[in-house]
């Protein structure tokens, strides 16, 4: 083959290769943009997070603008290195962008706005300007917080005790209730006043001294208003006790619980500590998850009842230290009461409600939890058998099961506990007809008597 033929072949190869490259540079796939479907911006501002990608030609330009009634405001303009011949450089195919929107600093007016996101790539399409993707995101700017007002008067509440608060909010908001320190108790529509809300709340046993109690409301934009609630906290001391256990109890009771829970069964001390602390913590998380989605209206009526014929064998919020061979190996706070009756005693519902849990629960053994509405629930543990099902409605006095020694129990008894908003409270208050009437009943039924 002579030199002229080789030159012709080389020219053809170059022409075909150039045509193939040119065809690739005319690719028509626009960049992809993943952004929120809508954005609500409150006084505290918001973060816009978007993901963009163009694996073919590479990212070229990004423009983000906010259109509102006062005009147009640029939020971001960005470009990526590259060229018309080679396209985007390596590393310029994907990007994660975060833009802070501050309505106060940026002087954005309240109301509806539109976020316009425009991205181009390095394709030769559109007169070498590249493929373009434009996305519009609806935005609501709202910097005005809701307004709350307290309807309830001065309220005395014990540490570890409960109370009810009635309040009003000037607009429909997704979050409202009572906050005690860092613990939040959701509110609900008042059953007798369409313009009011009610929240059951508690002073947690471990709350700070003289905790701040306030009514709070937050709108969809995250704007919050709070008003101090007139609560007087009555301090009280909680009992302490020493409980001696032996290796036989650990082998017979704690070790099987540890194995079932997937905890290590090693030495007696470590085995008991894992059950009493790690498994207990898991169980408490489960309880709080189950009680948080209860009925938004009261399902109970009047005072709650103590298990018939039972004797209280422990004290509420008792701090227990567990000793093995005279040496401290673990500790725990014992919420609720241990109620002793006869062996395999009939366990009855303390008041009307709906069963939201009826199965094994670690240290509580066979356990039933009844939701009574407004965040109020009762727990029945260590049962030998369960005679109700999840979702079942029960009346006061209906049989839930039989007492027993399941879970971390040394003898046949009922572990009975009362919770408000996932916080344990003293059952004695709810067993007292006068307390229920004067502290909760009058706020559920505000009509003159």
Foldseek 3Di string as FASTA:
>chain_A
DDPVVVVVVVVVVVVVVVVVLLVLLQDADWKDKDWDQAEEAEQVWDKTKMKIFDVRQFWAWKWKWKQDPVGIGTFDIDGADDDLRRGGDPPRGMDMDITTDHCVVVVPDFAKMKMKMKTFGQGPPPVRRGHMDIDIHIYGYYHDWKDKDWDDDAAEAEALAKFKTKIFIPDDAPFKAKDWANDGWTWFQQPVDNRMIMAMDHRFNPGDPPTFIWIKTAHPNGHMDIDTDNYDYDYDDAAEDEAEDEQVLCVVAQQVLCVVVVHDDDDSLRSNACQVPVLVVVLLVVVLVQLQPFARDFQWDFFFADDPQWDWDGTAQYKYFYDYPNHTRHIDGQHFTWIDHDAFAFDWGRAKFFWRDAQQRAQQGGKIKGHRHSQKIKIKGQFPDADDDGGDIDGGGHTGGTFHHGHSRDTTTIGMWMTGSSGTHYSVQRNDRVSCCPRPVCSSPVDDD
